[in-house]
Amino acid sequence: PDTKKKAAAAGKKAAAAAAGTKKGKGVKGDKQGVKQQDKKKAAKKDTKKAEKPATEADLDMEMAEYLHKAGRGPNPKQAVLDDELSAYKVKVAEAAKAEAAAPAPAAEPAAAAAASE
């Protein structure tokens, strides 16, 4: 049984050699070459994208994350959320204080006249 398979494979290789094509063990179809070319094109596109330089805030955040992972500091993402929440609370308190200090709007004169009649 094994000799029949080997003989058939040898026959295919001989026919391919006579036809001038390369078919046989280790050679894949045409689609494989297209996939590899697509991968190469995709890799070139990725390298062409210019990365923006890191800002000081980005670098600070990266350092804080590194220190947190090493066990030397608070979670930086939680600290950012805490800062945003406290800033929001201050803003709301200032808005409430400004609203309380502002005089109440006067009633419209036409509405006041209609109510007195």
PDB file of N, CA and C in Angstrom:
ATOM      1  N   PRO A   1       0.808  -1.193   0.000  1.00  0.00           N
ATOM      2  CA  PRO A   1       0.000   0.000   0.000  1.00  0.00           C
ATOM      3  C   PRO A   1       0.861   1.271   0.000  1.00  0.00           C
ATOM      4  N   ASP A   2       1.954   1.278   0.735  1.00  0.00           N
ATOM      5  CA  ASP A   2       2.795   2.471   0.785  1.00  0.00           C
ATOM      6  C   ASP A   2       3.501   2.694  -0.549  1.00  0.00           C
ATOM      7  N   THR A   3       3.836   1.643  -1.210  1.00  0.00           N
ATOM      8  CA  THR A   3       4.544   1.793  -2.481  1.00  0.00           C
ATOM      9  C   THR A   3       3.639   2.393  -3.550  1.00  0.00           C
ATOM     10  N   LYS A   4       2.346   2.113  -3.455  1.00  0.00           N
ATOM     11  CA  LYS A   4       1.416   2.686  -4.430  1.00  0.00           C
ATOM     12  C   LYS A   4       1.337   4.206  -4.259  1.00  0.00           C
ATOM     13  N   LYS A   5       1.312   4.667  -2.992  1.00  0.00           N
ATOM     14  CA  LYS A   5       1.248   6.101  -2.726  1.00  0.00           C
ATOM     15  C   LYS A   5       2.522   6.791  -3.213  1.00  0.00           C
ATOM     16  N   LYS A   6       3.662   6.152  -2.946  1.00  0.00           N
ATOM     17  CA  LYS A   6       4.940   6.731  -3.369  1.00  0.00           C
ATOM     18  C   LYS A   6       5.032   6.781  -4.888  1.00  0.00           C
ATOM     19  N   ALA A   7       4.547   5.742  -5.517  1.00  0.00           N
ATOM     20  CA  ALA A   7       4.586   5.699  -6.983  1.00  0.00           C
ATOM     21  C   ALA A   7       3.672   6.774  -7.573  1.00  0.00           C
ATOM     22  N   ALA A   8       2.511   6.967  -6.957  1.00  0.00           N
ATOM     23  CA  ALA A   8       1.584   7.992  -7.444  1.00  0.00           C
ATOM     24  C   ALA A   8       2.178   9.380  -7.262  1.00  0.00           C
ATOM     25  N   ALA A   9       2.832   9.610  -6.128  1.00  0.00           N
ATOM     26  CA  ALA A   9       3.451  10.903  -5.866  1.00  0.00           C
ATOM     27  C   ALA A   9       4.582  11.158  -6.846  1.00  0.00           C
ATOM     28  N   ALA A  10       5.379  10.129  -7.119  1.00  0.00           N
ATOM     29  CA  ALA A  10       6.486  10.274  -8.062  1.00  0.00           C
ATOM     30  C   ALA A  10       5.944  10.574  -9.454  1.00  0.00           C
ATOM     31  N   GLY A  11       4.832   9.949  -9.796  1.00  0.00           N
ATOM     32  CA  GLY A  11       4.216  10.196 -11.106  1.00  0.00           C
ATOM     33  C   GLY A  11       3.733  11.633 -11.222  1.00  0.00           C
ATOM     34  N   LYS A  12       3.144  12.171 -10.158  1.00  0.00           N
ATOM     35  CA  LYS A  12       2.669  13.555 -10.162  1.00  0.00           C
ATOM     36  C   LYS A  12       3.837  14.529 -10.308  1.00  0.00           C
ATOM     37  N   LYS A  13       4.918  14.237  -9.605  1.00  0.00           N
ATOM     38  CA  LYS A  13       6.088  15.115  -9.683  1.00  0.00           C
ATOM     39  C   LYS A  13       6.676  15.093 -11.086  1.00  0.00           C
ATOM     40  N   ALA A  14       6.738  13.909 -11.677  1.00  0.00           N
ATOM     41  CA  ALA A  14       7.297  13.786 -13.026  1.00  0.00           C
ATOM     42  C   ALA A  14       6.412  14.532 -14.028  1.00  0.00           C
ATOM     43  N   ALA A  15       5.098  14.434 -13.882  1.00  0.00           N
ATOM     44  CA  ALA A  15       4.181  15.118 -14.792  1.00  0.00           C
ATOM     45  C   ALA A  15       4.301  16.630 -14.622  1.00  0.00           C
ATOM     46  N   ALA A  16       4.448  17.082 -13.377  1.00  0.00           N
ATOM     47  CA  ALA A  16       4.592  18.511 -13.123  1.00  0.00           C
ATOM     48  C   ALA A  16       5.899  19.028 -13.694  1.00  0.00           C
ATOM     49  N   ALA A  17       6.967  18.235 -13.581  1.00  0.00           N
ATOM     50  CA  ALA A  17       8.263  18.645 -14.106  1.00  0.00           C
ATOM     51  C   ALA A  17       8.199  18.737 -15.626  1.00  0.00           C
ATOM     52  N   ALA A  18       7.491  17.814 -16.235  1.00  0.00           N
ATOM     53  CA  ALA A  18       7.364  17.825 -17.693  1.00  0.00           C
ATOM     54  C   ALA A  18       6.541  19.032 -18.153  1.00  0.00           C
ATOM     55  N   ALA A  19       5.565  19.413 -17.372  1.00  0.00           N
ATOM     56  CA  ALA A  19       4.714  20.540 -17.728  1.00  0.00           C
ATOM     57  C   ALA A  19       5.372  21.873 -17.394  1.00  0.00           C
ATOM     58  N   GLY A  20       6.435  21.829 -16.627  1.00  0.00           N
ATOM     59  CA  GLY A  20       7.147  23.055 -16.276  1.00  0.00           C
ATOM     60  C   GLY A  20       6.561  23.769 -15.069  1.00  0.00           C
ATOM     61  N   THR A  21       5.711  23.107 -14.312  1.00  0.00           N
ATOM     62  CA  THR A  21       5.153  23.705 -13.098  1.00  0.00           C
ATOM     63  C   THR A  21       5.768  23.040 -11.897  1.00  0.00           C
ATOM     64  N   LYS A  22       5.672  23.729 -10.787  1.00  0.00           N
ATOM     65  CA  LYS A  22       6.273  23.187  -9.569  1.00  0.00           C
ATOM     66  C   LYS A  22       5.151  22.733  -8.652  1.00  0.00           C
ATOM     67  N   LYS A  23       4.840  21.496  -8.683  1.00  0.00           N
ATOM     68  CA  LYS A  23       3.818  20.923  -7.814  1.00  0.00           C
ATOM     69  C   LYS A  23       4.436  19.733  -7.111  1.00  0.00           C
ATOM     70  N   GLY A  24       4.046  19.545  -5.911  1.00  0.00           N
ATOM     71  CA  GLY A  24       4.563  18.407  -5.166  1.00  0.00           C
ATOM     72  C   GLY A  24       4.618  18.730  -3.698  1.00  0.00           C
ATOM     73  N   LYS A  25       5.383  17.965  -2.971  1.00  0.00           N
ATOM     74  CA  LYS A  25       5.467  18.111  -1.528  1.00  0.00           C
ATOM     75  C   LYS A  25       6.100  19.452  -1.166  1.00  0.00           C
ATOM     76  N   GLY A  26       5.454  20.170  -0.251  1.00  0.00           N
ATOM     77  CA  GLY A  26       6.005  21.417   0.246  1.00  0.00           C
ATOM     78  C   GLY A  26       5.582  22.645  -0.541  1.00  0.00           C
ATOM     79  N   VAL A  27       4.904  22.488  -1.662  1.00  0.00           N
ATOM     80  CA  VAL A  27       4.476  23.626  -2.453  1.00  0.00           C
ATOM     81  C   VAL A  27       2.985  23.810  -2.239  1.00  0.00           C
ATOM     82  N   LYS A  28       2.608  25.024  -1.895  1.00  0.00           N
ATOM     83  CA  LYS A  28       1.199  25.300  -1.629  1.00  0.00           C
ATOM     84  C   LYS A  28       0.595  26.037  -2.806  1.00  0.00           C
ATOM     85  N   GLY A  29      -0.707  26.166  -2.785  1.00  0.00           N
ATOM     86  CA  GLY A  29      -1.425  26.789  -3.891  1.00  0.00           C
ATOM     87  C   GLY A  29      -1.133  28.266  -4.033  1.00  0.00           C
ATOM     88  N   ASP A  30      -1.706  28.859  -5.063  1.00  0.00           N
ATOM     89  CA  ASP A  30      -1.473  30.269  -5.361  1.00  0.00           C
ATOM     90  C   ASP A  30      -2.005  31.190  -4.274  1.00  0.00           C
ATOM     91  N   LYS A  31      -3.055  30.793  -3.612  1.00  0.00           N
ATOM     92  CA  LYS A  31      -3.675  31.641  -2.593  1.00  0.00           C
ATOM     93  C   LYS A  31      -2.725  31.905  -1.441  1.00  0.00           C
ATOM     94  N   GLN A  32      -1.868  30.960  -1.128  1.00  0.00           N
ATOM     95  CA  GLN A  32      -0.918  31.133  -0.029  1.00  0.00           C
ATOM     96  C   GLN A  32       0.003  32.319  -0.311  1.00  0.00           C
ATOM     97  N   GLY A  33       0.467  32.439  -1.557  1.00  0.00           N
ATOM     98  CA  GLY A  33       1.340  33.543  -1.921  1.00  0.00           C
ATOM     99  C   GLY A  33       0.634  34.884  -1.805  1.00  0.00           C
ATOM    100  N   VAL A  34      -0.639  34.926  -2.153  1.00  0.00           N
ATOM    101  CA  VAL A  34      -1.422  36.157  -2.059  1.00  0.00           C
ATOM    102  C   VAL A  34      -1.573  36.567  -0.599  1.00  0.00           C
ATOM    103  N   LYS A  35      -1.820  35.601   0.270  1.00  0.00           N
ATOM    104  CA  LYS A  35      -1.966  35.904   1.694  1.00  0.00           C
ATOM    105  C   LYS A  35      -0.673  36.490   2.246  1.00  0.00           C
ATOM    106  N   GLN A  36       0.448  35.934   1.839  1.00  0.00           N
ATOM    107  CA  GLN A  36       1.726  36.438   2.338  1.00  0.00           C
ATOM    108  C   GLN A  36       1.972  37.858   1.841  1.00  0.00           C
ATOM    109  N   GLN A  37       1.596  38.137   0.601  1.00  0.00           N
ATOM    110  CA  GLN A  37       1.766  39.494   0.081  1.00  0.00           C
ATOM    111  C   GLN A  37       0.881  40.474   0.838  1.00  0.00           C
ATOM    112  N   ASP A  38      -0.344  40.042   1.146  1.00  0.00           N
ATOM    113  CA  ASP A  38      -1.243  40.905   1.903  1.00  0.00           C
ATOM    114  C   ASP A  38      -0.678  41.198   3.283  1.00  0.00           C
ATOM    115  N   LYS A  39      -0.080  40.192   3.902  1.00  0.00           N
ATOM    116  CA  LYS A  39       0.522  40.400   5.222  1.00  0.00           C
ATOM    117  C   LYS A  39       1.663  41.408   5.137  1.00  0.00           C
ATOM    118  N   LYS A  40       2.471  41.303   4.082  1.00  0.00           N
ATOM    119  CA  LYS A  40       3.589  42.224   3.924  1.00  0.00           C
ATOM    120  C   LYS A  40       3.080  43.656   3.721  1.00  0.00           C
ATOM    121  N   LYS A  41       2.015  43.803   2.920  1.00  0.00           N
ATOM    122  CA  LYS A  41       1.442  45.131   2.698  1.00  0.00           C
ATOM    123  C   LYS A  41       0.880  45.706   3.992  1.00  0.00           C
ATOM    124  N   ALA A  42       0.212  44.850   4.763  1.00  0.00           N
ATOM    125  CA  ALA A  42      -0.357  45.312   6.030  1.00  0.00           C
ATOM    126  C   ALA A  42       0.758  45.738   6.984  1.00  0.00           C
ATOM    127  N   ALA A  43       1.851  44.991   6.999  1.00  0.00           N
ATOM    128  CA  ALA A  43       2.969  45.339   7.873  1.00  0.00           C
ATOM    129  C   ALA A  43       3.572  46.677   7.463  1.00  0.00           C
ATOM    130  N   LYS A  44       3.660  46.932   6.155  1.00  0.00           N
ATOM    131  CA  LYS A  44       4.203  48.208   5.687  1.00  0.00           C
ATOM    132  C   LYS A  44       3.283  49.357   6.077  1.00  0.00           C
ATOM    133  N   LYS A  45       1.969  49.145   5.986  1.00  0.00           N
ATOM    134  CA  LYS A  45       1.026  50.187   6.359  1.00  0.00           C
ATOM    135  C   LYS A  45       1.152  50.524   7.837  1.00  0.00           C
ATOM    136  N   ASP A  46       1.342  49.499   8.673  1.00  0.00           N
ATOM    137  CA  ASP A  46       1.467  49.729  10.104  1.00  0.00           C
ATOM    138  C   ASP A  46       2.715  50.541  10.436  1.00  0.00           C
ATOM    139  N   THR A  47       3.795  50.301   9.726  1.00  0.00           N
ATOM    140  CA  THR A  47       5.029  51.018  10.028  1.00  0.00           C
ATOM    141  C   THR A  47       4.965  52.460   9.541  1.00  0.00           C
ATOM    142  N   LYS A  48       4.118  52.744   8.545  1.00  0.00           N
ATOM    143  CA  LYS A  48       4.024  54.096   8.025  1.00  0.00           C
ATOM    144  C   LYS A  48       3.269  55.030   8.953  1.00  0.00           C
ATOM    145  N   LYS A  49       2.418  54.486   9.817  1.00  0.00           N
ATOM    146  CA  LYS A  49       1.654  55.325  10.731  1.00  0.00           C
ATOM    147  C   LYS A  49       2.607  56.003  11.711  1.00  0.00           C
ATOM    148  N   ALA A  50       2.565  57.304  11.728  1.00  0.00           N
ATOM    149  CA  ALA A  50       3.433  58.047  12.634  1.00  0.00           C
ATOM    150  C   ALA A  50       2.784  58.103  14.011  1.00  0.00           C
ATOM    151  N   GLU A  51       3.540  57.711  15.004  1.00  0.00           N
ATOM    152  CA  GLU A  51       3.028  57.757  16.372  1.00  0.00           C
ATOM    153  C   GLU A  51       3.230  59.168  16.916  1.00  0.00           C
ATOM    154  N   LYS A  52       2.231  59.644  17.625  1.00  0.00           N
ATOM    155  CA  LYS A  52       2.338  60.957  18.233  1.00  0.00           C
ATOM    156  C   LYS A  52       3.302  60.871  19.418  1.00  0.00           C
ATOM    157  N   PRO A  53       4.105  61.881  19.605  1.00  0.00           N
ATOM    158  CA  PRO A  53       5.002  61.853  20.762  1.00  0.00           C
ATOM    159  C   PRO A  53       4.189  61.920  22.053  1.00  0.00           C
ATOM    160  N   ALA A  54       4.653  61.221  23.049  1.00  0.00           N
ATOM    161  CA  ALA A  54       3.944  61.166  24.325  1.00  0.00           C
ATOM    162  C   ALA A  54       4.001  62.523  25.018  1.00  0.00           C
ATOM    163  N   THR A  55       2.872  62.913  25.583  1.00  0.00           N
ATOM    164  CA  THR A  55       2.829  64.171  26.331  1.00  0.00           C
ATOM    165  C   THR A  55       3.336  63.922  27.750  1.00  0.00           C
ATOM    166  N   GLU A  56       3.544  64.992  28.455  1.00  0.00           N
ATOM    167  CA  GLU A  56       4.035  64.873  29.830  1.00  0.00           C
ATOM    168  C   GLU A  56       3.011  64.138  30.698  1.00  0.00           C
ATOM    169  N   ALA A  57       1.724  64.406  30.466  1.00  0.00           N
ATOM    170  CA  ALA A  57       0.679  63.734  31.244  1.00  0.00           C
ATOM    171  C   ALA A  57       0.665  62.232  30.961  1.00  0.00           C
ATOM    172  N   ASP A  58       0.871  61.864  29.682  1.00  0.00           N
ATOM    173  CA  ASP A  58       0.912  60.448  29.327  1.00  0.00           C
ATOM    174  C   ASP A  58       2.084  59.747  30.013  1.00  0.00           C
ATOM    175  N   LEU A  59       3.222  60.401  30.017  1.00  0.00           N
ATOM    176  CA  LEU A  59       4.405  59.820  30.661  1.00  0.00           C
ATOM    177  C   LEU A  59       4.214  59.693  32.170  1.00  0.00           C
ATOM    178  N   ASP A  60       3.587  60.710  32.775  1.00  0.00           N
ATOM    179  CA  ASP A  60       3.323  60.650  34.214  1.00  0.00           C
ATOM    180  C   ASP A  60       2.380  59.496  34.543  1.00  0.00           C
ATOM    181  N   MET A  61       1.354  59.322  33.714  1.00  0.00           N
ATOM    182  CA  MET A  61       0.396  58.240  33.935  1.00  0.00           C
ATOM    183  C   MET A  61       1.081  56.877  33.786  1.00  0.00           C
ATOM    184  N   GLU A  62       1.928  56.762  32.776  1.00  0.00           N
ATOM    185  CA  GLU A  62       2.640  55.503  32.554  1.00  0.00           C
ATOM    186  C   GLU A  62       3.549  55.181  33.742  1.00  0.00           C
ATOM    187  N   MET A  63       4.229  56.194  34.273  1.00  0.00           N
ATOM    188  CA  MET A  63       5.110  55.983  35.426  1.00  0.00           C
ATOM    189  C   MET A  63       4.292  55.601  36.658  1.00  0.00           C
ATOM    190  N   ALA A  64       3.147  56.240  36.857  1.00  0.00           N
ATOM    191  CA  ALA A  64       2.301  55.927  38.004  1.00  0.00           C
ATOM    192  C   ALA A  64       1.761  54.501  37.910  1.00  0.00           C
ATOM    193  N   GLU A  65       1.392  54.071  36.701  1.00  0.00           N
ATOM    194  CA  GLU A  65       0.923  52.686  36.517  1.00  0.00           C
ATOM    195  C   GLU A  65       2.041  51.697  36.830  1.00  0.00           C
ATOM    196  N   TYR A  66       3.254  52.018  36.377  1.00  0.00           N
ATOM    197  CA  TYR A  66       4.401  51.144  36.642  1.00  0.00           C
ATOM    198  C   TYR A  66       4.650  51.024  38.144  1.00  0.00           C
ATOM    199  N   LEU A  67       4.621  52.158  38.840  1.00  0.00           N
ATOM    200  CA  LEU A  67       4.869  52.133  40.284  1.00  0.00           C
ATOM    201  C   LEU A  67       3.752  51.385  41.014  1.00  0.00           C
ATOM    202  N   HIS A  68       2.507  51.545  40.550  1.00  0.00           N
ATOM    203  CA  HIS A  68       1.386  50.834  41.187  1.00  0.00           C
ATOM    204  C   HIS A  68       1.541  49.327  41.023  1.00  0.00           C
ATOM    205  N   LYS A  69       1.946  48.893  39.839  1.00  0.00           N
ATOM    206  CA  LYS A  69       2.147  47.458  39.611  1.00  0.00           C
ATOM    207  C   LYS A  69       3.273  46.920  40.477  1.00  0.00           C
ATOM    208  N   ALA A  70       4.255  47.780  40.750  1.00  0.00           N
ATOM    209  CA  ALA A  70       5.380  47.363  41.592  1.00  0.00           C
ATOM    210  C   ALA A  70       5.027  47.436  43.074  1.00  0.00           C
ATOM    211  N   GLY A  71       3.820  47.918  43.403  1.00  0.00           N
ATOM    212  CA  GLY A  71       3.396  47.984  44.803  1.00  0.00           C
ATOM    213  C   GLY A  71       3.848  49.242  45.505  1.00  0.00           C
ATOM    214  N   ARG A  72       4.138  50.298  44.757  1.00  0.00           N
ATOM    215  CA  ARG A  72       4.656  51.527  45.354  1.00  0.00           C
ATOM    216  C   ARG A  72       3.755  52.720  45.100  1.00  0.00           C
ATOM    217  N   GLY A  73       2.500  52.575  45.286  1.00  0.00           N
ATOM    218  CA  GLY A  73       1.647  53.738  45.104  1.00  0.00           C
ATOM    219  C   GLY A  73       0.212  53.345  44.837  1.00  0.00           C
ATOM    220  N   PRO A  74      -0.666  54.355  44.871  1.00  0.00           N
ATOM    221  CA  PRO A  74      -2.089  54.077  44.640  1.00  0.00           C
ATOM    222  C   PRO A  74      -2.355  53.790  43.163  1.00  0.00           C
ATOM    223  N   ASN A  75      -3.527  53.263  42.914  1.00  0.00           N
ATOM    224  CA  ASN A  75      -3.937  52.995  41.543  1.00  0.00           C
ATOM    225  C   ASN A  75      -4.129  54.335  40.830  1.00  0.00           C
ATOM    226  N   PRO A  76      -3.368  54.609  39.774  1.00  0.00           N
ATOM    227  CA  PRO A  76      -3.458  55.921  39.130  1.00  0.00           C
ATOM    228  C   PRO A  76      -4.803  56.175  38.463  1.00  0.00           C
ATOM    229  N   LYS A  77      -5.434  55.138  37.942  1.00  0.00           N
ATOM    230  CA  LYS A  77      -6.732  55.324  37.299  1.00  0.00           C
ATOM    231  C   LYS A  77      -7.785  55.722  38.332  1.00  0.00           C
ATOM    232  N   GLN A  78      -7.708  55.134  39.509  1.00  0.00           N
ATOM    233  CA  GLN A  78      -8.643  55.479  40.576  1.00  0.00           C
ATOM    234  C   GLN A  78      -8.355  56.901  41.063  1.00  0.00           C
ATOM    235  N   ALA A  79      -7.089  57.277  41.126  1.00  0.00           N
ATOM    236  CA  ALA A  79      -6.729  58.625  41.557  1.00  0.00           C
ATOM    237  C   ALA A  79      -7.263  59.671  40.573  1.00  0.00           C
ATOM    238  N   VAL A  80      -7.205  59.374  39.278  1.00  0.00           N
ATOM    239  CA  VAL A  80      -7.733  60.301  38.271  1.00  0.00           C
ATOM    240  C   VAL A  80      -9.239  60.460  38.455  1.00  0.00           C
ATOM    241  N   LEU A  81      -9.941  59.345  38.663  1.00  0.00           N
ATOM    242  CA  LEU A  81     -11.387  59.412  38.877  1.00  0.00           C
ATOM    243  C   LEU A  81     -11.731  60.202  40.134  1.00  0.00           C
ATOM    244  N   ASP A  82     -10.949  59.995  41.203  1.00  0.00           N
ATOM    245  CA  ASP A  82     -11.175  60.740  42.445  1.00  0.00           C
ATOM    246  C   ASP A  82     -10.991  62.245  42.225  1.00  0.00           C
ATOM    247  N   ASP A  83      -9.954  62.620  41.478  1.00  0.00           N
ATOM    248  CA  ASP A  83      -9.703  64.032  41.193  1.00  0.00           C
ATOM    249  C   ASP A  83     -10.844  64.644  40.378  1.00  0.00           C
ATOM    250  N   GLU A  84     -11.320  63.892  39.373  1.00  0.00           N
ATOM    251  CA  GLU A  84     -12.427  64.388  38.552  1.00  0.00           C
ATOM    252  C   GLU A  84     -13.696  64.547  39.378  1.00  0.00           C
ATOM    253  N   LEU A  85     -13.947  63.604  40.277  1.00  0.00           N
ATOM    254  CA  LEU A  85     -15.141  63.672  41.119  1.00  0.00           C
ATOM    255  C   LEU A  85     -15.068  64.864  42.060  1.00  0.00           C
ATOM    256  N   SER A  86     -13.918  65.095  42.677  1.00  0.00           N
ATOM    257  CA  SER A  86     -13.804  66.229  43.591  1.00  0.00           C
ATOM    258  C   SER A  86     -13.921  67.551  42.834  1.00  0.00           C
ATOM    259  N   ALA A  87     -13.372  67.623  41.616  1.00  0.00           N
ATOM    260  CA  ALA A  87     -13.511  68.842  40.815  1.00  0.00           C
ATOM    261  C   ALA A  87     -14.975  69.074  40.448  1.00  0.00           C
ATOM    262  N   TYR A  88     -15.707  68.016  40.152  1.00  0.00           N
ATOM    263  CA  TYR A  88     -17.127  68.137  39.826  1.00  0.00           C
ATOM    264  C   TYR A  88     -17.917  68.629  41.040  1.00  0.00           C
ATOM    265  N   LYS A  89     -17.605  68.085  42.218  1.00  0.00           N
ATOM    266  CA  LYS A  89     -18.308  68.509  43.435  1.00  0.00           C
ATOM    267  C   LYS A  89     -18.062  69.980  43.731  1.00  0.00           C
ATOM    268  N   VAL A  90     -16.839  70.457  43.536  1.00  0.00           N
ATOM    269  CA  VAL A  90     -16.516  71.864  43.747  1.00  0.00           C
ATOM    270  C   VAL A  90     -17.301  72.720  42.761  1.00  0.00           C
ATOM    271  N   LYS A  91     -17.365  72.289  41.517  1.00  0.00           N
ATOM    272  CA  LYS A  91     -18.093  73.034  40.492  1.00  0.00           C
ATOM    273  C   LYS A  91     -19.584  73.131  40.833  1.00  0.00           C
ATOM    274  N   VAL A  92     -20.172  72.025  41.281  1.00  0.00           N
ATOM    275  CA  VAL A  92     -21.591  72.013  41.647  1.00  0.00           C
ATOM    276  C   VAL A  92     -21.831  72.918  42.851  1.00  0.00           C
ATOM    277  N   ALA A  93     -20.940  72.883  43.835  1.00  0.00           N
ATOM    278  CA  ALA A  93     -21.093  73.722  45.023  1.00  0.00           C
ATOM    279  C   ALA A  93     -21.002  75.201  44.652  1.00  0.00           C
ATOM    280  N   GLU A  94     -20.069  75.559  43.767  1.00  0.00           N
ATOM    281  CA  GLU A  94     -19.947  76.950  43.333  1.00  0.00           C
ATOM    282  C   GLU A  94     -21.188  77.397  42.566  1.00  0.00           C
ATOM    283  N   ALA A  95     -21.735  76.514  41.734  1.00  0.00           N
ATOM    284  CA  ALA A  95     -22.936  76.857  40.972  1.00  0.00           C
ATOM    285  C   ALA A  95     -24.126  77.056  41.912  1.00  0.00           C
ATOM    286  N   ALA A  96     -24.242  76.233  42.947  1.00  0.00           N
ATOM    287  CA  ALA A  96     -25.334  76.364  43.906  1.00  0.00           C
ATOM    288  C   ALA A  96     -25.183  77.656  44.704  1.00  0.00           C
ATOM    289  N   LYS A  97     -23.944  77.977  45.071  1.00  0.00           N
ATOM    290  CA  LYS A  97     -23.697  79.205  45.828  1.00  0.00           C
ATOM    291  C   LYS A  97     -24.018  80.424  44.963  1.00  0.00           C
ATOM    292  N   ALA A  98     -23.656  80.396  43.684  1.00  0.00           N
ATOM    293  CA  ALA A  98     -23.933  81.516  42.790  1.00  0.00           C
ATOM    294  C   ALA A  98     -25.432  81.661  42.551  1.00  0.00           C
ATOM    295  N   GLU A  99     -26.129  80.558  42.483  1.00  0.00           N
ATOM    296  CA  GLU A  99     -27.575  80.588  42.278  1.00  0.00           C
ATOM    297  C   GLU A  99     -28.286  81.170  43.497  1.00  0.00           C
ATOM    298  N   ALA A 100     -27.804  80.826  44.682  1.00  0.00           N
ATOM    299  CA  ALA A 100     -28.414  81.336  45.909  1.00  0.00           C
ATOM    300  C   ALA A 100     -28.128  82.830  46.072  1.00  0.00           C
ATOM    301  N   ALA A 101     -26.976  83.286  45.646  1.00  0.00           N
ATOM    302  CA  ALA A 101     -26.614  84.696  45.789  1.00  0.00           C
ATOM    303  C   ALA A 101     -27.305  85.570  44.750  1.00  0.00           C
ATOM    304  N   ALA A 102     -27.685  85.021  43.628  1.00  0.00           N
ATOM    305  CA  ALA A 102     -28.334  85.803  42.578  1.00  0.00           C
ATOM    306  C   ALA A 102     -29.756  86.156  43.004  1.00  0.00           C
ATOM    307  N   PRO A 103     -30.192  87.384  42.681  1.00  0.00           N
ATOM    308  CA  PRO A 103     -31.568  87.767  43.057  1.00  0.00           C
ATOM    309  C   PRO A 103     -32.580  86.964  42.243  1.00  0.00           C
ATOM    310  N   ALA A 104     -33.731  86.746  42.849  1.00  0.00           N
ATOM    311  CA  ALA A 104     -34.787  86.005  42.173  1.00  0.00           C
ATOM    312  C   ALA A 104     -35.302  86.857  41.022  1.00  0.00           C
ATOM    313  N   PRO A 105     -35.621  86.254  39.901  1.00  0.00           N
ATOM    314  CA  PRO A 105     -36.108  87.034  38.763  1.00  0.00           C
ATOM    315  C   PRO A 105     -37.461  87.653  39.095  1.00  0.00           C
ATOM    316  N   ALA A 106     -37.636  88.893  38.697  1.00  0.00           N
ATOM    317  CA  ALA A 106     -38.891  89.618  38.961  1.00  0.00           C
ATOM    318  C   ALA A 106     -39.988  89.055  38.077  1.00  0.00           C
ATOM    319  N   ALA A 107     -41.211  89.099  38.577  1.00  0.00           N
ATOM    320  CA  ALA A 107     -42.348  88.626  37.800  1.00  0.00           C
ATOM    321  C   ALA A 107     -42.559  89.558  36.630  1.00  0.00           C
ATOM    322  N   GLU A 108     -43.073  89.034  35.558  1.00  0.00           N
ATOM    323  CA  GLU A 108     -43.285  89.846  34.364  1.00  0.00           C
ATOM    324  C   GLU A 108     -44.379  90.894  34.644  1.00  0.00           C
ATOM    325  N   PRO A 109     -44.234  92.090  34.146  1.00  0.00           N
ATOM    326  CA  PRO A 109     -45.228  93.144  34.418  1.00  0.00           C
ATOM    327  C   PRO A 109     -46.605  92.792  33.876  1.00  0.00           C
ATOM    328  N   ALA A 110     -46.705  92.151  32.732  1.00  0.00           N
ATOM    329  CA  ALA A 110     -48.001  91.811  32.152  1.00  0.00           C
ATOM    330  C   ALA A 110     -48.707  90.776  33.028  1.00  0.00           C
ATOM    331  N   ALA A 111     -47.967  89.856  33.570  1.00  0.00           N
ATOM    332  CA  ALA A 111     -48.545  88.834  34.425  1.00  0.00           C
ATOM    333  C   ALA A 111     -49.002  89.459  35.752  1.00  0.00           C
ATOM    334  N   ALA A 112     -48.246  90.424  36.238  1.00  0.00           N
ATOM    335  CA  ALA A 112     -48.602  91.095  37.485  1.00  0.00           C
ATOM    336  C   ALA A 112     -49.868  91.937  37.290  1.00  0.00           C
ATOM    337  N   ALA A 113     -49.997  92.581  36.159  1.00  0.00           N
ATOM    338  CA  ALA A 113     -51.161  93.402  35.869  1.00  0.00           C
ATOM    339  C   ALA A 113     -52.404  92.551  35.728  1.00  0.00           C
ATOM    340  N   ALA A 114     -52.266  91.408  35.112  1.00  0.00           N
ATOM    341  CA  ALA A 114     -53.412  90.516  34.917  1.00  0.00           C
ATOM    342  C   ALA A 114     -53.862  89.941  36.251  1.00  0.00           C
ATOM    343  N   ALA A 115     -52.968  89.719  37.141  1.00  0.00           N
ATOM    344  CA  ALA A 115     -53.313  89.147  38.450  1.00  0.00           C
ATOM    345  C   ALA A 115     -54.004  90.185  39.321  1.00  0.00           C
ATOM    346  N   SER A 116     -53.672  91.467  39.168  1.00  0.00           N
ATOM    347  CA  SER A 116     -54.283  92.509  40.002  1.00  0.00           C
ATOM    348  C   SER A 116     -55.685  92.887  39.533  1.00  0.00           C
ATOM    349  N   GLU A 117     -56.046  92.606  38.318  1.00  0.00           N
ATOM    350  CA  GLU A 117     -57.378  92.967  37.826  1.00  0.00           C
ATOM    351  C   GLU A 117     -58.428  92.068  38.272  1.00  0.00           C
TER     352      GLU A 117
END
